[in-house]
């Protein structure tokens, strides 16, 4: 119990604070996502793909299985992009290995488009590490080349932008 003074009338009021006992929190099962992916327990081949600041650590497993990116199915992870399935399946389509590998990838940095391009670069590198003869299909398509175009850095005194000109005084 606490006593609080009322400023206008100068009278004291009794304020009773209720003590709330913590109730056991009920977890909603609708929010949780099942993470039971089919990935073979065989030997894997790892490669790293990059684009801008994005990095993709890709592992390919021999045998059929799921395509998982950052703990989610690849179709769920790249939902906002228009033709994402065509881009991340391109290394498999060119080499004729569609459905022969299970893939896990950890992608970080940059935006979703750069992450997708880093993923395709990593997949192509992993396929070449698996079979060097596949290089003849992937190299002409440009999947083994790292796209090194980066965001231009900001310069001092330019008003925040990279290529903005300095303001000259009028008088």
N, C-alpha and C. Protein backbone atom coordinates (compact mmCIF):
# COMPACT_ATOMS: atom_id res chain seq x y z
N UNK A 1 0.84 -1.17 0.00
CA UNK A 1 0.00 0.00 0.00
C UNK A 1 0.89 1.23 0.00
N UNK A 2 0.48 2.22 -0.75
CA UNK A 2 1.28 3.45 -0.84
C UNK A 2 0.36 4.64 -0.68
N UNK A 3 0.93 5.73 -0.20
CA UNK A 3 0.15 6.95 -0.04
C UNK A 3 0.64 7.94 -1.08
N UNK A 4 -0.31 8.45 -1.85
CA UNK A 4 0.02 9.39 -2.90
C UNK A 4 -0.69 10.71 -2.62
N UNK A 5 0.04 11.82 -2.72
CA UNK A 5 -0.54 13.14 -2.46
C UNK A 5 -1.19 13.66 -3.72
N UNK A 6 -2.37 14.21 -3.58
CA UNK A 6 -3.04 14.86 -4.68
C UNK A 6 -2.59 16.30 -4.70
N UNK A 7 -2.06 16.78 -5.78
CA UNK A 7 -1.46 18.12 -5.83
C UNK A 7 -2.51 19.22 -5.73
N UNK A 8 -3.67 19.02 -6.29
CA UNK A 8 -4.68 20.07 -6.32
C UNK A 8 -5.32 20.30 -4.95
N UNK A 9 -5.78 19.26 -4.32
CA UNK A 9 -6.51 19.43 -3.07
C UNK A 9 -5.62 19.29 -1.83
N UNK A 10 -4.46 18.71 -1.96
CA UNK A 10 -3.56 18.55 -0.83
C UNK A 10 -3.94 17.39 0.06
N UNK A 11 -4.92 16.57 -0.36
CA UNK A 11 -5.34 15.42 0.43
C UNK A 11 -4.56 14.18 -0.01
N UNK A 12 -4.34 13.31 0.90
CA UNK A 12 -3.64 12.06 0.60
C UNK A 12 -4.64 10.99 0.18
N UNK A 13 -4.25 10.21 -0.83
CA UNK A 13 -5.09 9.11 -1.31
C UNK A 13 -4.38 7.81 -1.02
N UNK A 14 -5.17 6.80 -0.67
CA UNK A 14 -4.60 5.48 -0.49
C UNK A 14 -4.66 4.75 -1.83
N UNK A 15 -3.51 4.25 -2.24
CA UNK A 15 -3.43 3.50 -3.50
C UNK A 15 -3.02 2.08 -3.16
N UNK A 16 -3.82 1.14 -3.58
CA UNK A 16 -3.52 -0.27 -3.32
C UNK A 16 -2.99 -0.88 -4.61
N UNK A 17 -1.77 -1.40 -4.54
CA UNK A 17 -1.18 -2.05 -5.71
C UNK A 17 -1.39 -3.54 -5.59
N UNK A 18 -1.87 -4.12 -6.68
CA UNK A 18 -2.11 -5.55 -6.69
C UNK A 18 -0.82 -6.27 -7.05
N UNK A 19 -0.54 -7.31 -6.33
CA UNK A 19 0.62 -8.14 -6.63
C UNK A 19 0.14 -9.26 -7.54
N UNK A 20 0.73 -9.29 -8.71
CA UNK A 20 0.32 -10.28 -9.71
C UNK A 20 1.30 -11.44 -9.67
N UNK A 21 0.76 -12.61 -9.45
CA UNK A 21 1.62 -13.79 -9.46
C UNK A 21 1.85 -14.23 -10.90
N UNK A 22 3.07 -14.63 -11.24
CA UNK A 22 3.33 -15.03 -12.62
C UNK A 22 2.60 -16.32 -12.97
N UNK A 23 1.94 -16.28 -14.10
CA UNK A 23 1.21 -17.43 -14.60
C UNK A 23 2.10 -18.13 -15.62
N UNK A 24 2.07 -19.43 -15.63
CA UNK A 24 2.88 -20.19 -16.58
C UNK A 24 2.43 -19.84 -18.00
N UNK A 25 3.39 -19.38 -18.81
CA UNK A 25 3.07 -18.96 -20.17
C UNK A 25 2.75 -20.17 -21.03
N UNK A 26 1.69 -20.04 -21.79
CA UNK A 26 1.29 -21.11 -22.69
C UNK A 26 1.88 -20.83 -24.06
N UNK A 27 2.65 -21.76 -24.59
CA UNK A 27 3.27 -21.56 -25.90
C UNK A 27 2.28 -21.96 -26.99
N UNK A 28 2.23 -21.12 -27.99
CA UNK A 28 1.35 -21.41 -29.12
C UNK A 28 2.08 -22.36 -30.07
N UNK A 29 1.42 -23.44 -30.41
CA UNK A 29 2.05 -24.40 -31.31
C UNK A 29 1.88 -24.02 -32.77
N UNK A 30 0.99 -23.10 -33.08
CA UNK A 30 0.78 -22.69 -34.47
C UNK A 30 1.94 -21.87 -35.01
N UNK A 31 2.71 -21.24 -34.13
CA UNK A 31 3.80 -20.37 -34.55
C UNK A 31 5.06 -21.17 -34.88
N UNK A 32 5.28 -22.25 -34.14
CA UNK A 32 6.48 -23.05 -34.33
C UNK A 32 6.46 -23.74 -35.69
N UNK A 33 7.63 -23.81 -36.31
CA UNK A 33 7.76 -24.44 -37.62
C UNK A 33 8.55 -25.72 -37.45
N UNK A 34 8.08 -26.77 -38.06
CA UNK A 34 8.80 -28.03 -37.99
C UNK A 34 10.07 -27.94 -38.82
N UNK A 35 11.16 -28.46 -38.27
CA UNK A 35 12.43 -28.41 -38.97
C UNK A 35 12.93 -29.82 -39.22
N UNK A 36 12.10 -30.64 -39.79
CA UNK A 36 12.48 -32.00 -40.14
C UNK A 36 12.77 -32.06 -41.63
N UNK A 37 14.02 -31.80 -41.97
CA UNK A 37 14.40 -31.81 -43.37
C UNK A 37 15.10 -33.11 -43.69
N UNK A 38 14.94 -33.56 -44.91
CA UNK A 38 15.57 -34.81 -45.34
C UNK A 38 16.93 -34.48 -45.94
N UNK A 39 17.98 -34.76 -45.16
CA UNK A 39 19.35 -34.53 -45.62
C UNK A 39 20.13 -35.81 -45.35
N UNK A 40 20.77 -36.38 -46.36
CA UNK A 40 21.51 -37.62 -46.15
C UNK A 40 22.70 -37.42 -45.21
N UNK A 41 23.05 -38.46 -44.49
CA UNK A 41 24.17 -38.42 -43.54
C UNK A 41 25.47 -38.88 -44.22
N UNK A 42 25.63 -38.53 -45.48
CA UNK A 42 26.82 -38.94 -46.23
C UNK A 42 27.86 -37.83 -46.24
N UNK A 43 28.94 -38.08 -46.96
CA UNK A 43 30.00 -37.09 -47.10
C UNK A 43 29.47 -35.91 -47.91
N UNK A 44 29.93 -34.71 -47.57
CA UNK A 44 29.48 -33.52 -48.29
C UNK A 44 30.66 -32.78 -48.87
N UNK A 45 30.35 -31.89 -49.83
CA UNK A 45 31.35 -31.02 -50.44
C UNK A 45 30.91 -29.60 -50.16
N UNK A 46 31.85 -28.78 -49.67
CA UNK A 46 31.52 -27.42 -49.26
C UNK A 46 32.21 -26.42 -50.17
N UNK A 47 31.52 -25.32 -50.44
CA UNK A 47 32.08 -24.22 -51.23
C UNK A 47 31.48 -22.91 -50.72
N UNK A 48 32.19 -21.83 -51.01
CA UNK A 48 31.74 -20.51 -50.59
C UNK A 48 31.48 -19.65 -51.82
N UNK A 49 30.31 -19.05 -51.88
CA UNK A 49 29.96 -18.14 -52.97
C UNK A 49 29.77 -16.75 -52.42
N UNK A 50 30.15 -15.74 -53.21
CA UNK A 50 30.03 -14.36 -52.73
C UNK A 50 29.46 -13.46 -53.81
N UNK A 51 28.79 -12.39 -53.35
CA UNK A 51 28.28 -11.33 -54.22
C UNK A 51 28.05 -10.11 -53.35
N UNK A 52 28.61 -8.96 -53.74
CA UNK A 52 28.58 -7.75 -52.92
C UNK A 52 29.11 -8.08 -51.53
N UNK A 53 28.30 -7.94 -50.48
CA UNK A 53 28.75 -8.26 -49.14
C UNK A 53 28.17 -9.60 -48.69
N UNK A 54 27.34 -10.21 -49.52
CA UNK A 54 26.69 -11.47 -49.18
C UNK A 54 27.67 -12.64 -49.31
N UNK A 55 27.55 -13.59 -48.38
CA UNK A 55 28.37 -14.79 -48.39
C UNK A 55 27.46 -16.00 -48.20
N UNK A 56 27.67 -17.02 -49.03
CA UNK A 56 26.90 -18.25 -48.93
C UNK A 56 27.85 -19.42 -48.73
N UNK A 57 27.70 -20.12 -47.60
CA UNK A 57 28.45 -21.36 -47.36
C UNK A 57 27.55 -22.51 -47.74
N UNK A 58 27.90 -23.19 -48.83
CA UNK A 58 27.03 -24.19 -49.43
C UNK A 58 27.63 -25.58 -49.23
N UNK A 59 26.79 -26.52 -48.82
CA UNK A 59 27.19 -27.93 -48.72
C UNK A 59 26.26 -28.74 -49.61
N UNK A 60 26.84 -29.59 -50.47
CA UNK A 60 26.02 -30.49 -51.27
C UNK A 60 26.30 -31.92 -50.83
N UNK A 61 25.22 -32.66 -50.64
CA UNK A 61 25.28 -34.05 -50.22
C UNK A 61 24.82 -34.92 -51.39
N UNK A 62 25.52 -36.03 -51.63
CA UNK A 62 25.12 -36.94 -52.69
C UNK A 62 23.87 -37.68 -52.24
N UNK A 63 22.89 -37.78 -53.10
CA UNK A 63 21.64 -38.43 -52.77
C UNK A 63 20.49 -37.44 -52.74
N UNK A 64 19.29 -37.96 -52.79
CA UNK A 64 18.12 -37.09 -52.81
C UNK A 64 17.84 -36.53 -51.43
N UNK A 65 17.35 -35.30 -51.42
CA UNK A 65 17.03 -34.65 -50.15
C UNK A 65 16.50 -33.25 -50.38
N UNK A 66 16.39 -32.49 -49.31
CA UNK A 66 15.83 -31.14 -49.37
C UNK A 66 16.89 -30.09 -49.67
N UNK A 67 16.43 -28.94 -50.09
CA UNK A 67 17.27 -27.78 -50.38
C UNK A 67 16.97 -26.77 -49.28
N UNK A 68 17.88 -26.63 -48.31
CA UNK A 68 17.64 -25.84 -47.10
C UNK A 68 18.58 -24.64 -47.08
N UNK A 69 18.01 -23.44 -46.83
CA UNK A 69 18.80 -22.22 -46.69
C UNK A 69 18.44 -21.58 -45.36
N UNK A 70 19.43 -21.39 -44.50
CA UNK A 70 19.26 -20.76 -43.18
C UNK A 70 18.13 -21.40 -42.37
N UNK A 71 18.04 -22.71 -42.41
CA UNK A 71 17.03 -23.42 -41.62
C UNK A 71 15.63 -23.38 -42.17
N UNK A 72 15.46 -22.98 -43.43
CA UNK A 72 14.15 -22.97 -44.07
C UNK A 72 14.29 -23.53 -45.48
N UNK A 73 13.22 -24.03 -46.01
CA UNK A 73 13.27 -24.50 -47.40
C UNK A 73 13.57 -23.33 -48.32
N UNK A 74 14.28 -23.60 -49.39
CA UNK A 74 14.73 -22.53 -50.27
C UNK A 74 13.54 -21.80 -50.89
N UNK A 75 12.45 -22.50 -51.16
CA UNK A 75 11.27 -21.85 -51.72
C UNK A 75 10.63 -20.89 -50.73
N UNK A 76 10.76 -21.19 -49.43
CA UNK A 76 10.22 -20.29 -48.40
C UNK A 76 11.15 -19.11 -48.14
N UNK A 77 12.46 -19.34 -48.26
CA UNK A 77 13.43 -18.28 -47.97
C UNK A 77 13.43 -17.20 -49.04
N UNK A 78 13.34 -17.58 -50.31
CA UNK A 78 13.37 -16.61 -51.41
C UNK A 78 11.97 -16.42 -52.00
N UNK A 79 10.97 -16.18 -51.15
CA UNK A 79 9.60 -16.03 -51.64
C UNK A 79 9.38 -14.71 -52.36
N UNK A 80 10.04 -13.64 -51.94
CA UNK A 80 9.79 -12.32 -52.50
C UNK A 80 10.36 -12.10 -53.89
N UNK A 81 11.24 -12.96 -54.34
CA UNK A 81 11.88 -12.76 -55.64
C UNK A 81 11.10 -13.47 -56.75
N UNK A 82 11.08 -12.82 -57.89
CA UNK A 82 10.23 -13.27 -58.98
C UNK A 82 10.61 -14.62 -59.56
N UNK A 83 11.80 -14.73 -60.13
CA UNK A 83 12.21 -15.98 -60.76
C UNK A 83 13.36 -16.63 -59.99
N UNK A 84 13.23 -16.65 -58.68
CA UNK A 84 14.27 -17.24 -57.83
C UNK A 84 14.48 -18.73 -58.10
N UNK A 85 13.42 -19.54 -58.28
CA UNK A 85 13.66 -20.98 -58.52
C UNK A 85 14.50 -21.24 -59.77
N UNK A 86 14.31 -20.43 -60.80
CA UNK A 86 15.10 -20.62 -62.02
C UNK A 86 16.56 -20.29 -61.76
N UNK A 87 16.84 -19.30 -60.90
CA UNK A 87 18.22 -18.90 -60.63
C UNK A 87 18.95 -19.88 -59.73
N UNK A 88 18.32 -20.33 -58.64
CA UNK A 88 19.06 -21.23 -57.76
C UNK A 88 19.13 -22.66 -58.29
N UNK A 89 18.30 -23.01 -59.27
CA UNK A 89 18.38 -24.35 -59.87
C UNK A 89 19.22 -24.35 -61.16
N UNK A 90 19.68 -23.18 -61.59
CA UNK A 90 20.43 -23.08 -62.84
C UNK A 90 21.69 -23.95 -62.88
N UNK A 91 22.53 -24.00 -61.81
CA UNK A 91 23.70 -24.88 -61.87
C UNK A 91 23.33 -26.35 -62.06
N UNK A 92 22.23 -26.78 -61.45
CA UNK A 92 21.80 -28.17 -61.58
C UNK A 92 21.22 -28.44 -62.97
N UNK A 93 20.48 -27.47 -63.52
CA UNK A 93 19.90 -27.64 -64.85
C UNK A 93 20.97 -27.73 -65.93
N UNK A 94 22.00 -26.86 -65.82
CA UNK A 94 23.06 -26.86 -66.84
C UNK A 94 23.88 -28.14 -66.82
N UNK A 95 24.09 -28.71 -65.65
CA UNK A 95 24.92 -29.90 -65.54
C UNK A 95 24.13 -31.20 -65.61
N UNK A 96 22.80 -31.12 -65.56
CA UNK A 96 21.97 -32.31 -65.61
C UNK A 96 21.93 -33.08 -64.30
N UNK A 97 22.13 -32.40 -63.20
CA UNK A 97 22.15 -33.03 -61.88
C UNK A 97 20.93 -32.67 -61.03
N UNK A 98 19.83 -32.34 -61.65
CA UNK A 98 18.65 -31.93 -60.92
C UNK A 98 18.08 -33.12 -60.13
N UNK A 99 17.92 -32.94 -58.82
CA UNK A 99 17.36 -33.99 -57.97
C UNK A 99 18.37 -35.01 -57.49
N UNK A 100 19.63 -34.85 -57.79
CA UNK A 100 20.66 -35.82 -57.39
C UNK A 100 21.39 -35.41 -56.12
N UNK A 101 21.16 -34.17 -55.65
CA UNK A 101 21.87 -33.67 -54.49
C UNK A 101 20.91 -33.07 -53.48
N UNK A 102 21.28 -33.19 -52.21
CA UNK A 102 20.63 -32.43 -51.14
C UNK A 102 21.55 -31.27 -50.81
N UNK A 103 20.98 -30.11 -50.52
CA UNK A 103 21.78 -28.90 -50.33
C UNK A 103 21.41 -28.24 -49.01
N UNK A 104 22.44 -27.83 -48.25
CA UNK A 104 22.24 -26.95 -47.11
C UNK A 104 23.13 -25.74 -47.31
N UNK A 105 22.62 -24.57 -46.94
CA UNK A 105 23.39 -23.34 -47.14
C UNK A 105 23.14 -22.38 -45.99
N UNK A 106 24.19 -21.68 -45.59
CA UNK A 106 24.09 -20.59 -44.63
C UNK A 106 24.43 -19.31 -45.38
N UNK A 107 23.48 -18.41 -45.44
CA UNK A 107 23.65 -17.19 -46.22
C UNK A 107 23.57 -16.00 -45.27
N UNK A 108 24.49 -15.02 -45.45
CA UNK A 108 24.46 -13.85 -44.59
C UNK A 108 24.96 -12.64 -45.36
N UNK A 109 24.59 -11.46 -44.89
CA UNK A 109 25.07 -10.21 -45.45
C UNK A 109 24.26 -9.71 -46.62
N UNK A 110 24.35 -8.41 -46.87
CA UNK A 110 23.75 -7.74 -48.01
C UNK A 110 22.24 -7.96 -48.09
N UNK A 111 21.68 -7.87 -49.29
CA UNK A 111 20.24 -8.02 -49.47
C UNK A 111 19.88 -9.38 -50.02
N UNK A 112 18.59 -9.59 -50.26
CA UNK A 112 18.10 -10.91 -50.68
C UNK A 112 18.56 -11.26 -52.10
N UNK A 113 18.65 -10.26 -53.00
CA UNK A 113 19.11 -10.54 -54.36
C UNK A 113 20.57 -10.96 -54.37
N UNK A 114 21.41 -10.25 -53.64
CA UNK A 114 22.83 -10.59 -53.58
C UNK A 114 23.02 -11.95 -52.91
N UNK A 115 22.18 -12.28 -51.94
CA UNK A 115 22.26 -13.59 -51.29
C UNK A 115 21.93 -14.70 -52.27
N UNK A 116 20.95 -14.47 -53.13
CA UNK A 116 20.59 -15.47 -54.14
C UNK A 116 21.73 -15.69 -55.13
N UNK A 117 22.36 -14.61 -55.57
CA UNK A 117 23.48 -14.74 -56.50
C UNK A 117 24.68 -15.39 -55.84
N UNK A 118 24.91 -15.12 -54.56
CA UNK A 118 25.99 -15.77 -53.82
C UNK A 118 25.71 -17.27 -53.69
N UNK A 119 24.44 -17.62 -53.51
CA UNK A 119 24.06 -19.03 -53.41
C UNK A 119 24.33 -19.77 -54.72
N UNK A 120 23.96 -19.18 -55.85
CA UNK A 120 24.21 -19.84 -57.14
C UNK A 120 25.70 -19.97 -57.41
N UNK A 121 26.48 -18.96 -57.03
CA UNK A 121 27.94 -19.02 -57.19
C UNK A 121 28.53 -20.14 -56.34
N UNK A 122 28.07 -20.26 -55.11
CA UNK A 122 28.53 -21.33 -54.23
C UNK A 122 28.14 -22.71 -54.71
N UNK A 123 26.92 -22.83 -55.25
CA UNK A 123 26.47 -24.12 -55.79
C UNK A 123 27.33 -24.55 -56.97
N UNK A 124 27.62 -23.60 -57.85
CA UNK A 124 28.45 -23.91 -59.02
C UNK A 124 29.85 -24.35 -58.60
N UNK A 125 30.42 -23.66 -57.62
CA UNK A 125 31.76 -24.02 -57.13
C UNK A 125 31.75 -25.40 -56.48
N UNK A 126 30.69 -25.72 -55.74
CA UNK A 126 30.60 -27.03 -55.09
C UNK A 126 30.45 -28.14 -56.13
N UNK A 127 29.69 -27.89 -57.19
CA UNK A 127 29.54 -28.90 -58.24
C UNK A 127 30.86 -29.16 -58.96
N UNK A 128 31.65 -28.10 -59.18
CA UNK A 128 32.96 -28.27 -59.82
C UNK A 128 33.91 -29.03 -58.89
N UNK A 129 33.81 -28.78 -57.58
CA UNK A 129 34.63 -29.53 -56.63
C UNK A 129 34.23 -31.00 -56.61
N UNK A 130 32.95 -31.29 -56.83
CA UNK A 130 32.46 -32.66 -56.88
C UNK A 130 32.94 -33.37 -58.15
N UNK A 131 32.83 -32.67 -59.29
CA UNK A 131 33.24 -33.25 -60.57
C UNK A 131 33.85 -32.13 -61.43
N UNK A 132 35.17 -32.10 -61.62
CA UNK A 132 35.81 -31.02 -62.38
C UNK A 132 35.38 -30.94 -63.85
N UNK A 133 34.80 -32.00 -64.39
CA UNK A 133 34.33 -31.98 -65.78
C UNK A 133 33.13 -31.06 -65.97
N UNK A 134 32.41 -30.77 -64.90
CA UNK A 134 31.23 -29.91 -64.99
C UNK A 134 31.59 -28.45 -65.23
N UNK A 135 32.87 -28.12 -65.07
CA UNK A 135 33.34 -26.75 -65.29
C UNK A 135 33.05 -26.28 -66.70
N UNK A 136 33.10 -27.17 -67.68
CA UNK A 136 32.86 -26.81 -69.09
C UNK A 136 31.43 -26.30 -69.31
N UNK A 137 30.49 -26.72 -68.46
CA UNK A 137 29.10 -26.25 -68.59
C UNK A 137 28.86 -24.97 -67.80
N UNK A 138 29.51 -24.85 -66.65
CA UNK A 138 29.23 -23.74 -65.74
C UNK A 138 30.01 -22.47 -66.06
N UNK A 139 31.23 -22.61 -66.58
CA UNK A 139 32.07 -21.45 -66.85
C UNK A 139 31.48 -20.54 -67.94
N UNK A 140 31.04 -21.08 -69.08
CA UNK A 140 30.46 -20.18 -70.11
C UNK A 140 29.18 -19.48 -69.65
N UNK A 141 28.46 -20.06 -68.70
CA UNK A 141 27.23 -19.45 -68.19
C UNK A 141 27.53 -18.33 -67.20
N UNK A 142 28.80 -18.20 -66.78
CA UNK A 142 29.20 -17.14 -65.87
C UNK A 142 28.88 -17.41 -64.42
N UNK A 143 28.65 -18.68 -64.07
CA UNK A 143 28.29 -19.00 -62.69
C UNK A 143 29.49 -19.18 -61.78
N UNK A 144 30.68 -19.38 -62.35
CA UNK A 144 31.87 -19.56 -61.52
C UNK A 144 32.60 -18.25 -61.26
N UNK A 145 32.19 -17.19 -61.94
CA UNK A 145 32.85 -15.89 -61.79
C UNK A 145 32.18 -15.11 -60.66
N UNK A 146 33.00 -14.60 -59.76
CA UNK A 146 32.46 -13.78 -58.68
C UNK A 146 32.21 -12.39 -59.23
N UNK A 147 30.99 -11.90 -59.06
CA UNK A 147 30.64 -10.56 -59.51
C UNK A 147 31.16 -9.58 -58.46
N UNK A 148 32.22 -8.84 -58.78
CA UNK A 148 32.90 -8.03 -57.78
C UNK A 148 32.38 -6.60 -57.70
N UNK A 149 31.27 -6.30 -58.33
CA UNK A 149 30.73 -4.94 -58.23
C UNK A 149 30.18 -4.70 -56.82
N UNK A 150 30.70 -3.67 -56.18
CA UNK A 150 30.31 -3.36 -54.82
C UNK A 150 29.71 -1.96 -54.77
N UNK A 151 29.07 -1.64 -53.65
CA UNK A 151 28.56 -0.29 -53.45
C UNK A 151 29.73 0.65 -53.26
N UNK A 152 29.69 1.79 -53.92
CA UNK A 152 30.79 2.75 -53.81
C UNK A 152 30.80 3.38 -52.43
N UNK A 153 32.00 3.54 -51.88
CA UNK A 153 32.11 4.07 -50.53
C UNK A 153 31.85 5.58 -50.50
N UNK A 154 31.39 6.04 -49.35
CA UNK A 154 31.11 7.47 -49.18
C UNK A 154 32.41 8.22 -48.96
N UNK A 155 32.46 9.46 -49.45
CA UNK A 155 33.66 10.30 -49.29
C UNK A 155 33.38 11.41 -48.29
N UNK A 156 34.41 11.85 -47.63
CA UNK A 156 34.29 12.91 -46.64
C UNK A 156 33.92 14.23 -47.31
N UNK A 157 33.01 14.96 -46.69
CA UNK A 157 32.66 16.30 -47.15
C UNK A 157 31.77 16.33 -48.38
N UNK A 158 31.19 15.22 -48.74
CA UNK A 158 30.36 15.18 -49.95
C UNK A 158 28.86 15.23 -49.63
N UNK A 159 28.51 15.43 -48.39
CA UNK A 159 27.09 15.56 -48.06
C UNK A 159 26.37 14.24 -47.99
N UNK A 160 27.06 13.15 -47.72
CA UNK A 160 26.39 11.88 -47.47
C UNK A 160 26.41 10.89 -48.60
N UNK A 161 26.46 11.33 -49.84
CA UNK A 161 26.41 10.41 -50.97
C UNK A 161 27.81 10.19 -51.53
N UNK A 162 27.98 9.14 -52.30
CA UNK A 162 29.30 8.79 -52.81
C UNK A 162 29.76 9.71 -53.94
N UNK A 163 28.83 10.07 -54.82
CA UNK A 163 29.22 10.87 -55.98
C UNK A 163 28.66 12.27 -55.99
N UNK A 164 28.10 12.69 -54.90
CA UNK A 164 27.53 14.03 -54.83
C UNK A 164 28.64 15.05 -54.86
N UNK A 165 28.41 16.14 -55.57
CA UNK A 165 29.39 17.21 -55.65
C UNK A 165 29.31 18.10 -54.42
N UNK A 166 30.42 18.74 -54.12
CA UNK A 166 30.43 19.66 -52.98
C UNK A 166 29.65 20.91 -53.32
N UNK A 167 29.01 21.46 -52.30
CA UNK A 167 28.25 22.69 -52.52
C UNK A 167 29.20 23.87 -52.55
N UNK A 168 29.10 24.66 -53.61
CA UNK A 168 29.99 25.84 -53.70
C UNK A 168 29.24 27.05 -53.17
N UNK A 169 29.94 27.96 -52.49
CA UNK A 169 29.26 29.14 -51.96
C UNK A 169 28.86 30.09 -53.10
N UNK A 170 27.70 30.71 -52.94
CA UNK A 170 27.20 31.62 -53.99
C UNK A 170 27.91 32.96 -53.92
N UNK A 171 28.17 33.45 -52.74
CA UNK A 171 28.78 34.78 -52.60
C UNK A 171 29.99 34.72 -51.71
